[in-house]
Amino acid sequence: MVDVHAVMIFRSWLLSFCCFTVVVVAKRMPYEFITERTNSYTLPPLPYDYKDLEPFIDEATVRVHHTGHHAAYTKKMNAAIQEWESEAKVTESAMIFELLHRLEDVPDKYRVAIQNNGGGYVNHNLYWSVMSPNPNSDEREPTGQIGIDIDEDFGNFSNFKDLFTKEALSLFGSGYVWLCRDVNQNRKLIISKTANQDSPLQDGFQLPILVIDIWEHAYYIKHQNRRPQHVSDWWKLVDWTAVEELDEWWKKQNIKYHDEL
C-alpha cells in the first residue's frame, strides 16, 4: 500500500531541492567570442530577442542581419581559416582579433577572405553588443567614466554626438563608424570610420567600444534609403552601460602577439 504521506514529503523535498540547485549561467556577450583561439567560430546569440529593438530597428531586419549576413561571414571566415591552417599545418589557431591586427602576416591567398569575412564577424559581434532595447524611447547619455572621458576628449556629449553623426552621414557607401580607444595616444577616445568590413583593429592599435553599422542591410527594410533616420533611431538603442563594460573588457585582455601567426 502506498504511503501517501511519505510521497507528499518526498515531492516537497524534491521541489525544494530543485529550487535551490538551479544554476544561473551568465550569458556571454558577442564580443567575448572574438578572443577565442579556434578555427570554428560560432555565431553568437544576441543578448536580446529579434523583436526587442523595435521600433528603432525592426524584427525582420535584425533577424536577417544576424541569421543571414552575420552567419554568412562566420561560415566563410571559418572556411578560410581552416583551409589556411590545413595547408600550413598550423597546430594552434590564432584569435581572429590577432589575424585582423596583423593582416600583413596572413598569406596573400587568404588575406582578403579573412579581412572581409573575419572583419564582418568581429564588426557584427561588437555591433550587437552595444545596443539594448529601449521600449520607453528614453534619451540615453553616458555616465560614469565613459561620460567623463567623452567630455574630456570631445568637450561634451552633445559635441561628440554631433561629430559621430556627421561621420555616419558622410561615410560613402557601406561601412561603420566607431568610437575607439587609441592605445598609441594614451588611450584617448577617437572617432574613426571604416569601409566595407574593414576593422579599426587594422589601424594601428585602436580598441573599438561603440559602433554603428552603415551597411544598407542594417536599415533598408525599415528606412529604405533614409540613412539619417536610421542613425537618429540608433542613438536610442545605444547602451552606455554596455559600452563601458566593453571598454573595461578590453583593458583586461592583456593580449600579446606572436612574432608570427
C-alpha atoms as a PDB file:
ATOM      1  CA  MET A   1       0.000   0.000   0.000  1.00  0.00           C
ATOM      2  CA  VAL A   2       1.391   3.419  -0.969  1.00  0.00           C
ATOM      3  CA  ASP A   3       2.238   5.675   1.954  1.00  0.00           C
ATOM      4  CA  VAL A   4       0.592   8.917   0.746  1.00  0.00           C
ATOM      5  CA  HIS A   5       2.209  10.944   3.497  1.00  0.00           C
ATOM      6  CA  ALA A   6       5.675   9.714   2.521  1.00  0.00           C
ATOM      7  CA  VAL A   7       5.016  10.526  -1.134  1.00  0.00           C
ATOM      8  CA  MET A   8       3.963  14.039  -0.233  1.00  0.00           C
ATOM      9  CA  ILE A   9       7.091  14.555   1.865  1.00  0.00           C
ATOM     10  CA  PHE A  10       9.272  13.289  -0.999  1.00  0.00           C
ATOM     11  CA  ARG A  11       7.602  15.612  -3.502  1.00  0.00           C
ATOM     12  CA  SER A  12       8.083  18.545  -1.146  1.00  0.00           C
ATOM     13  CA  TRP A  13      11.766  17.675  -0.692  1.00  0.00           C
ATOM     14  CA  LEU A  14      12.270  17.269  -4.443  1.00  0.00           C
ATOM     15  CA  LEU A  15      10.685  20.642  -5.157  1.00  0.00           C
ATOM     16  CA  SER A  16      12.885  22.302  -2.546  1.00  0.00           C
ATOM     17  CA  PHE A  17      15.977  20.578  -3.944  1.00  0.00           C
ATOM     18  CA  CYS A  18      15.200  21.699  -7.471  1.00  0.00           C
ATOM     19  CA  CYS A  19      14.583  25.273  -6.370  1.00  0.00           C
ATOM     20  CA  PHE A  20      17.881  25.538  -4.540  1.00  0.00           C
ATOM     21  CA  THR A  21      20.033  23.814  -7.171  1.00  0.00           C
ATOM     22  CA  VAL A  22      19.116  25.958 -10.143  1.00  0.00           C
ATOM     23  CA  VAL A  23      22.337  27.230 -11.692  1.00  0.00           C
ATOM     24  CA  VAL A  24      22.175  30.570 -13.451  1.00  0.00           C
ATOM     25  CA  VAL A  25      24.561  30.618 -16.405  1.00  0.00           C
ATOM     26  CA  ALA A  26      25.737  34.089 -17.329  1.00  0.00           C
ATOM     27  CA  LYS A  27      25.075  34.951 -20.942  1.00  0.00           C
ATOM     28  CA  ARG A  28      28.218  35.704 -22.915  1.00  0.00           C
ATOM     29  CA  MET A  29      28.310  38.961 -24.799  1.00  0.00           C
ATOM     30  CA  PRO A  30      29.012  38.602 -28.533  1.00  0.00           C
ATOM     31  CA  TYR A  31      32.353  40.416 -28.273  1.00  0.00           C
ATOM     32  CA  GLU A  32      33.654  37.740 -25.902  1.00  0.00           C
ATOM     33  CA  PHE A  33      33.801  35.292 -28.803  1.00  0.00           C
ATOM     34  CA  ILE A  34      36.438  37.245 -30.744  1.00  0.00           C
ATOM     35  CA  THR A  35      39.338  36.301 -28.475  1.00  0.00           C
ATOM     36  CA  GLU A  36      38.832  32.537 -28.769  1.00  0.00           C
ATOM     37  CA  ARG A  37      41.628  30.508 -30.317  1.00  0.00           C
ATOM     38  CA  THR A  38      39.727  28.340 -32.755  1.00  0.00           C
ATOM     39  CA  ASN A  39      39.168  27.688 -36.441  1.00  0.00           C
ATOM     40  CA  SER A  40      35.479  27.043 -35.935  1.00  0.00           C
ATOM     41  CA  TYR A  41      33.886  30.178 -34.527  1.00  0.00           C
ATOM     42  CA  THR A  42      30.220  30.074 -33.643  1.00  0.00           C
ATOM     43  CA  LEU A  43      27.602  32.664 -34.477  1.00  0.00           C
ATOM     44  CA  PRO A  44      26.983  34.236 -31.053  1.00  0.00           C
ATOM     45  CA  PRO A  45      23.402  34.539 -29.840  1.00  0.00           C
ATOM     46  CA  LEU A  46      22.152  38.083 -29.468  1.00  0.00           C
ATOM     47  CA  PRO A  47      21.757  39.488 -25.936  1.00  0.00           C
ATOM     48  CA  TYR A  48      18.100  40.251 -26.748  1.00  0.00           C
ATOM     49  CA  ASP A  49      15.324  38.841 -28.943  1.00  0.00           C
ATOM     50  CA  TYR A  50      14.999  39.826 -32.588  1.00  0.00           C
ATOM     51  CA  LYS A  51      11.905  41.914 -31.886  1.00  0.00           C
ATOM     52  CA  ASP A  52      13.323  43.736 -28.871  1.00  0.00           C
ATOM     53  CA  LEU A  53      14.996  46.597 -30.751  1.00  0.00           C
ATOM     54  CA  GLU A  54      11.706  47.783 -32.209  1.00  0.00           C
ATOM     55  CA  PRO A  55      10.521  50.341 -33.075  1.00  0.00           C
ATOM     56  CA  PHE A  56      14.013  51.640 -33.880  1.00  0.00           C
ATOM     57  CA  ILE A  57      15.248  48.555 -35.737  1.00  0.00           C
ATOM     58  CA  ASP A  58      12.534  46.196 -36.896  1.00  0.00           C
ATOM     59  CA  GLU A  59      12.435  42.472 -36.160  1.00  0.00           C
ATOM     60  CA  ALA A  60      12.767  41.457 -39.814  1.00  0.00           C
ATOM     61  CA  THR A  61      15.956  43.486 -40.212  1.00  0.00           C
ATOM     62  CA  VAL A  62      17.572  42.151 -37.036  1.00  0.00           C
ATOM     63  CA  ARG A  63      16.678  38.570 -37.950  1.00  0.00           C
ATOM     64  CA  VAL A  64      18.055  38.643 -41.496  1.00  0.00           C
ATOM     65  CA  HIS A  65      21.049  40.713 -40.400  1.00  0.00           C
ATOM     66  CA  HIS A  66      22.012  38.140 -37.759  1.00  0.00           C
ATOM     67  CA  THR A  67      20.991  34.812 -39.307  1.00  0.00           C
ATOM     68  CA  GLY A  68      21.793  35.864 -42.865  1.00  0.00           C
ATOM     69  CA  HIS A  69      24.652  38.351 -43.141  1.00  0.00           C
ATOM     70  CA  HIS A  70      26.439  37.714 -39.835  1.00  0.00           C
ATOM     71  CA  ALA A  71      26.064  33.951 -40.188  1.00  0.00           C
ATOM     72  CA  ALA A  72      27.485  34.060 -43.730  1.00  0.00           C
ATOM     73  CA  TYR A  73      30.572  35.962 -42.583  1.00  0.00           C
ATOM     74  CA  THR A  74      31.067  33.423 -39.811  1.00  0.00           C
ATOM     75  CA  LYS A  75      30.867  30.452 -42.177  1.00  0.00           C
ATOM     76  CA  LYS A  76      33.199  31.946 -44.796  1.00  0.00           C
ATOM     77  CA  MET A  77      35.708  33.086 -42.168  1.00  0.00           C
ATOM     78  CA  ASN A  78      35.883  29.597 -40.679  1.00  0.00           C
ATOM     79  CA  ALA A  79      36.355  28.043 -44.118  1.00  0.00           C
ATOM     80  CA  ALA A  80      39.270  30.376 -44.928  1.00  0.00           C
ATOM     81  CA  ILE A  81      40.993  29.828 -41.575  1.00  0.00           C
ATOM     82  CA  GLN A  82      40.558  26.064 -41.755  1.00  0.00           C
ATOM     83  CA  GLU A  83      41.949  25.854 -45.294  1.00  0.00           C
ATOM     84  CA  TRP A  84      44.933  28.003 -44.368  1.00  0.00           C
ATOM     85  CA  GLU A  85      45.678  26.043 -41.186  1.00  0.00           C
ATOM     86  CA  SER A  86      45.376  22.743 -43.017  1.00  0.00           C
ATOM     87  CA  GLU A  87      47.716  23.873 -45.775  1.00  0.00           C
ATOM     88  CA  ALA A  88      50.247  25.358 -43.350  1.00  0.00           C
ATOM     89  CA  LYS A  89      49.868  22.520 -40.815  1.00  0.00           C
ATOM     90  CA  VAL A  90      49.134  25.030 -38.044  1.00  0.00           C
ATOM     91  CA  THR A  91      48.930  23.402 -34.609  1.00  0.00           C
ATOM     92  CA  GLU A  92      47.387  26.289 -32.660  1.00  0.00           C
ATOM     93  CA  SER A  93      44.788  28.673 -34.014  1.00  0.00           C
ATOM     94  CA  ALA A  94      45.231  32.414 -33.641  1.00  0.00           C
ATOM     95  CA  MET A  95      42.473  34.656 -32.373  1.00  0.00           C
ATOM     96  CA  ILE A  96      40.557  36.422 -35.129  1.00  0.00           C
ATOM     97  CA  PHE A  97      41.473  39.600 -33.213  1.00  0.00           C
ATOM     98  CA  GLU A  98      45.146  38.817 -33.879  1.00  0.00           C
ATOM     99  CA  LEU A  99      44.582  37.995 -37.526  1.00  0.00           C
ATOM    100  CA  LEU A 100      42.898  41.330 -38.200  1.00  0.00           C
ATOM    101  CA  HIS A 101      45.546  43.250 -36.274  1.00  0.00           C
ATOM    102  CA  ARG A 102      48.363  41.517 -38.155  1.00  0.00           C
ATOM    103  CA  LEU A 103      46.867  41.072 -41.614  1.00  0.00           C
ATOM    104  CA  GLU A 104      50.285  41.534 -43.192  1.00  0.00           C
ATOM    105  CA  ASP A 105      51.267  38.164 -41.694  1.00  0.00           C
ATOM    106  CA  VAL A 106      48.334  36.364 -43.325  1.00  0.00           C
ATOM    107  CA  PRO A 107      49.328  34.702 -46.636  1.00  0.00           C
ATOM    108  CA  ASP A 108      48.174  36.541 -49.760  1.00  0.00           C
ATOM    109  CA  LYS A 109      45.973  33.605 -50.703  1.00  0.00           C
ATOM    110  CA  TYR A 110      43.784  34.048 -47.605  1.00  0.00           C
ATOM    111  CA  ARG A 111      44.263  37.685 -46.662  1.00  0.00           C
ATOM    112  CA  VAL A 112      41.256  39.178 -48.473  1.00  0.00           C
ATOM    113  CA  ALA A 113      38.906  36.419 -47.297  1.00  0.00           C
ATOM    114  CA  ILE A 114      39.969  36.872 -43.679  1.00  0.00           C
ATOM    115  CA  GLN A 115      39.910  40.664 -43.925  1.00  0.00           C
ATOM    116  CA  ASN A 116      36.377  40.693 -45.347  1.00  0.00           C
ATOM    117  CA  ASN A 117      34.795  37.785 -43.504  1.00  0.00           C
ATOM    118  CA  GLY A 118      36.808  37.991 -40.298  1.00  0.00           C
ATOM    119  CA  GLY A 119      36.108  41.704 -40.245  1.00  0.00           C
ATOM    120  CA  GLY A 120      32.428  41.029 -40.848  1.00  0.00           C
ATOM    121  CA  TYR A 121      32.368  38.562 -37.970  1.00  0.00           C
ATOM    122  CA  VAL A 122      34.129  40.811 -35.471  1.00  0.00           C
ATOM    123  CA  ASN A 123      32.369  44.020 -36.519  1.00  0.00           C
ATOM    124  CA  HIS A 124      28.956  42.465 -36.056  1.00  0.00           C
ATOM    125  CA  ASN A 125      29.896  40.886 -32.715  1.00  0.00           C
ATOM    126  CA  LEU A 126      30.750  44.360 -31.465  1.00  0.00           C
ATOM    127  CA  TYR A 127      27.712  45.988 -33.072  1.00  0.00           C
ATOM    128  CA  TRP A 128      25.164  43.710 -31.383  1.00  0.00           C
ATOM    129  CA  SER A 129      26.897  44.141 -28.021  1.00  0.00           C
ATOM    130  CA  VAL A 130      26.479  47.893 -27.580  1.00  0.00           C
ATOM    131  CA  MET A 131      22.719  48.095 -28.144  1.00  0.00           C
ATOM    132  CA  SER A 132      19.816  47.169 -25.918  1.00  0.00           C
ATOM    133  CA  PRO A 133      16.011  47.505 -26.012  1.00  0.00           C
ATOM    134  CA  ASN A 134      14.516  50.912 -25.223  1.00  0.00           C
ATOM    135  CA  PRO A 135      10.750  50.353 -25.047  1.00  0.00           C
ATOM    136  CA  ASN A 136      10.104  53.760 -23.451  1.00  0.00           C
ATOM    137  CA  SER A 137      12.167  55.691 -26.040  1.00  0.00           C
ATOM    138  CA  ASP A 138      14.307  57.174 -23.283  1.00  0.00           C
ATOM    139  CA  GLU A 139      17.062  59.626 -24.127  1.00  0.00           C
ATOM    140  CA  ARG A 140      20.319  57.914 -23.268  1.00  0.00           C
ATOM    141  CA  GLU A 141      23.545  59.643 -22.310  1.00  0.00           C
ATOM    142  CA  PRO A 142      26.808  58.233 -20.981  1.00  0.00           C
ATOM    143  CA  THR A 143      27.572  58.436 -17.280  1.00  0.00           C
ATOM    144  CA  GLY A 144      30.459  57.240 -15.153  1.00  0.00           C
ATOM    145  CA  GLN A 145      33.997  57.104 -16.517  1.00  0.00           C
ATOM    146  CA  ILE A 146      32.954  56.868 -20.156  1.00  0.00           C
ATOM    147  CA  GLY A 147      30.887  60.027 -19.728  1.00  0.00           C
ATOM    148  CA  ILE A 148      33.839  61.822 -18.126  1.00  0.00           C
ATOM    149  CA  ASP A 149      36.181  60.731 -20.921  1.00  0.00           C
ATOM    150  CA  ILE A 150      33.779  61.836 -23.655  1.00  0.00           C
ATOM    151  CA  ASP A 151      33.518  65.255 -22.020  1.00  0.00           C
ATOM    152  CA  GLU A 152      37.302  65.469 -21.778  1.00  0.00           C
ATOM    153  CA  ASP A 153      38.056  64.380 -25.344  1.00  0.00           C
ATOM    154  CA  PHE A 154      35.110  65.977 -27.172  1.00  0.00           C
ATOM    155  CA  GLY A 155      34.039  68.869 -24.961  1.00  0.00           C
ATOM    156  CA  ASN A 156      30.679  67.375 -24.044  1.00  0.00           C
ATOM    157  CA  PHE A 157      28.299  64.625 -25.097  1.00  0.00           C
ATOM    158  CA  SER A 158      26.349  66.867 -27.477  1.00  0.00           C
ATOM    159  CA  ASN A 159      29.537  67.712 -29.390  1.00  0.00           C
ATOM    160  CA  PHE A 160      30.515  64.062 -29.542  1.00  0.00           C
ATOM    161  CA  LYS A 161      27.084  63.013 -30.777  1.00  0.00           C
ATOM    162  CA  ASP A 162      27.131  65.690 -33.497  1.00  0.00           C
ATOM    163  CA  LEU A 163      30.616  64.656 -34.668  1.00  0.00           C
ATOM    164  CA  PHE A 164      29.768  60.955 -34.644  1.00  0.00           C
ATOM    165  CA  THR A 165      26.504  61.548 -36.521  1.00  0.00           C
ATOM    166  CA  LYS A 166      28.293  63.712 -39.105  1.00  0.00           C
ATOM    167  CA  GLU A 167      30.769  60.894 -39.786  1.00  0.00           C
ATOM    168  CA  ALA A 168      27.924  58.361 -40.078  1.00  0.00           C
ATOM    169  CA  LEU A 169      26.054  60.518 -42.603  1.00  0.00           C
ATOM    170  CA  SER A 170      29.146  61.379 -44.643  1.00  0.00           C
ATOM    171  CA  LEU A 171      30.582  57.870 -44.947  1.00  0.00           C
ATOM    172  CA  PHE A 172      30.447  56.965 -48.633  1.00  0.00           C
ATOM    173  CA  GLY A 173      28.985  53.575 -49.430  1.00  0.00           C
ATOM    174  CA  SER A 174      28.944  50.792 -46.853  1.00  0.00           C
ATOM    175  CA  GLY A 175      30.905  50.619 -43.639  1.00  0.00           C
ATOM    176  CA  TYR A 176      30.983  51.540 -39.970  1.00  0.00           C
ATOM    177  CA  VAL A 177      31.635  54.478 -37.653  1.00  0.00           C
ATOM    178  CA  TRP A 178      33.455  53.777 -34.398  1.00  0.00           C
ATOM    179  CA  LEU A 179      34.337  55.213 -31.036  1.00  0.00           C
ATOM    180  CA  CYS A 180      37.719  53.740 -30.118  1.00  0.00           C
ATOM    181  CA  ARG A 181      40.446  53.899 -27.533  1.00  0.00           C
ATOM    182  CA  ASP A 182      43.676  54.778 -29.311  1.00  0.00           C
ATOM    183  CA  VAL A 183      46.390  52.940 -27.413  1.00  0.00           C
ATOM    184  CA  ASN A 184      49.073  54.915 -29.260  1.00  0.00           C
ATOM    185  CA  GLN A 185      47.595  58.184 -27.899  1.00  0.00           C
ATOM    186  CA  ASN A 186      47.389  57.276 -24.223  1.00  0.00           C
ATOM    187  CA  ARG A 187      44.009  55.606 -24.723  1.00  0.00           C
ATOM    188  CA  LYS A 188      42.407  58.809 -25.950  1.00  0.00           C
ATOM    189  CA  LEU A 189      38.894  58.438 -27.362  1.00  0.00           C
ATOM    190  CA  ILE A 190      38.731  58.947 -31.116  1.00  0.00           C
ATOM    191  CA  ILE A 191      36.046  58.670 -33.792  1.00  0.00           C
ATOM    192  CA  SER A 192      37.002  56.699 -36.880  1.00  0.00           C
ATOM    193  CA  LYS A 193      35.240  55.122 -39.835  1.00  0.00           C
ATOM    194  CA  THR A 194      35.963  52.047 -41.918  1.00  0.00           C
ATOM    195  CA  ALA A 195      34.733  50.995 -45.335  1.00  0.00           C
ATOM    196  CA  ASN A 196      33.107  47.679 -46.170  1.00  0.00           C
ATOM    197  CA  GLN A 197      34.137  45.123 -43.494  1.00  0.00           C
ATOM    198  CA  ASP A 198      37.453  46.696 -42.582  1.00  0.00           C
ATOM    199  CA  SER A 199      38.131  46.883 -38.858  1.00  0.00           C
ATOM    200  CA  PRO A 200      39.686  49.578 -36.662  1.00  0.00           C
ATOM    201  CA  LEU A 201      41.820  46.742 -35.303  1.00  0.00           C
ATOM    202  CA  GLN A 202      43.751  47.031 -38.574  1.00  0.00           C
ATOM    203  CA  ASP A 203      44.601  50.692 -37.953  1.00  0.00           C
ATOM    204  CA  GLY A 204      47.488  50.890 -35.521  1.00  0.00           C
ATOM    205  CA  PHE A 205      46.090  49.783 -32.207  1.00  0.00           C
ATOM    206  CA  GLN A 206      42.556  51.084 -31.820  1.00  0.00           C
ATOM    207  CA  LEU A 207      40.213  49.292 -29.451  1.00  0.00           C
ATOM    208  CA  PRO A 208      36.567  49.756 -30.543  1.00  0.00           C
ATOM    209  CA  ILE A 209      33.962  50.359 -27.843  1.00  0.00           C
ATOM    210  CA  LEU A 210      30.996  51.731 -29.838  1.00  0.00           C
ATOM    211  CA  VAL A 211      29.927  51.164 -33.455  1.00  0.00           C
ATOM    212  CA  ILE A 212      27.093  51.886 -35.842  1.00  0.00           C
ATOM    213  CA  ASP A 213      26.574  49.724 -38.919  1.00  0.00           C
ATOM    214  CA  ILE A 214      26.008  51.854 -42.045  1.00  0.00           C
ATOM    215  CA  TRP A 215      25.557  48.971 -44.474  1.00  0.00           C
ATOM    216  CA  GLU A 216      22.123  49.274 -46.092  1.00  0.00           C
ATOM    217  CA  HIS A 217      21.165  45.800 -44.893  1.00  0.00           C
ATOM    218  CA  ALA A 218      21.241  47.273 -41.366  1.00  0.00           C
ATOM    219  CA  TYR A 219      18.263  49.540 -42.054  1.00  0.00           C
ATOM    220  CA  TYR A 220      16.881  49.180 -45.590  1.00  0.00           C
ATOM    221  CA  ILE A 221      13.734  47.182 -44.766  1.00  0.00           C
ATOM    222  CA  LYS A 222      12.504  49.876 -42.381  1.00  0.00           C
ATOM    223  CA  HIS A 223      14.067  53.081 -43.687  1.00  0.00           C
ATOM    224  CA  GLN A 224      14.803  52.282 -47.363  1.00  0.00           C
ATOM    225  CA  ASN A 225      17.485  54.816 -48.359  1.00  0.00           C
ATOM    226  CA  ARG A 226      16.915  57.173 -45.428  1.00  0.00           C
ATOM    227  CA  ARG A 227      20.206  56.770 -43.581  1.00  0.00           C
ATOM    228  CA  PRO A 228      19.690  59.883 -41.407  1.00  0.00           C
ATOM    229  CA  GLN A 229      16.582  58.308 -39.855  1.00  0.00           C
ATOM    230  CA  HIS A 230      18.471  55.095 -39.165  1.00  0.00           C
ATOM    231  CA  VAL A 231      21.266  56.997 -37.431  1.00  0.00           C
ATOM    232  CA  SER A 232      18.785  59.013 -35.374  1.00  0.00           C
ATOM    233  CA  ASP A 233      16.951  55.854 -34.309  1.00  0.00           C
ATOM    234  CA  TRP A 234      20.199  54.036 -33.499  1.00  0.00           C
ATOM    235  CA  TRP A 235      21.105  56.598 -30.839  1.00  0.00           C
ATOM    236  CA  LYS A 236      18.027  55.479 -28.884  1.00  0.00           C
ATOM    237  CA  LEU A 237      19.462  51.949 -28.744  1.00  0.00           C
ATOM    238  CA  VAL A 238      22.997  52.732 -27.607  1.00  0.00           C
ATOM    239  CA  ASP A 239      23.508  51.156 -24.189  1.00  0.00           C
ATOM    240  CA  TRP A 240      26.174  53.205 -22.423  1.00  0.00           C
ATOM    241  CA  THR A 241      26.493  50.668 -19.636  1.00  0.00           C
ATOM    242  CA  ALA A 242      27.335  48.046 -22.247  1.00  0.00           C
ATOM    243  CA  VAL A 243      29.813  50.440 -23.878  1.00  0.00           C
ATOM    244  CA  GLU A 244      31.590  50.956 -20.567  1.00  0.00           C
ATOM    245  CA  GLU A 245      31.610  47.201 -19.926  1.00  0.00           C
ATOM    246  CA  LEU A 246      33.196  46.623 -23.337  1.00  0.00           C
ATOM    247  CA  ASP A 247      35.756  49.334 -22.575  1.00  0.00           C
ATOM    248  CA  GLU A 248      36.636  47.580 -19.310  1.00  0.00           C
ATOM    249  CA  TRP A 249      36.747  44.197 -21.056  1.00  0.00           C
ATOM    250  CA  TRP A 250      39.387  45.436 -23.489  1.00  0.00           C
ATOM    251  CA  LYS A 251      41.522  46.644 -20.586  1.00  0.00           C
ATOM    252  CA  LYS A 252      41.514  43.170 -19.039  1.00  0.00           C
ATOM    253  CA  GLN A 253      42.511  41.247 -22.156  1.00  0.00           C
ATOM    254  CA  ASN A 254      46.264  41.905 -21.975  1.00  0.00           C
ATOM    255  CA  ILE A 255      46.528  40.405 -25.434  1.00  0.00           C
ATOM    256  CA  LYS A 256      50.056  39.509 -26.529  1.00  0.00           C
ATOM    257  CA  TYR A 257      51.000  38.899 -30.131  1.00  0.00           C
ATOM    258  CA  HIS A 258      53.316  36.270 -31.515  1.00  0.00           C
ATOM    259  CA  ASP A 259      56.130  37.328 -33.811  1.00  0.00           C
ATOM    260  CA  GLU A 260      54.493  35.233 -36.490  1.00  0.00           C
ATOM    261  CA  LEU A 261      50.993  33.876 -36.936  1.00  0.00           C
END
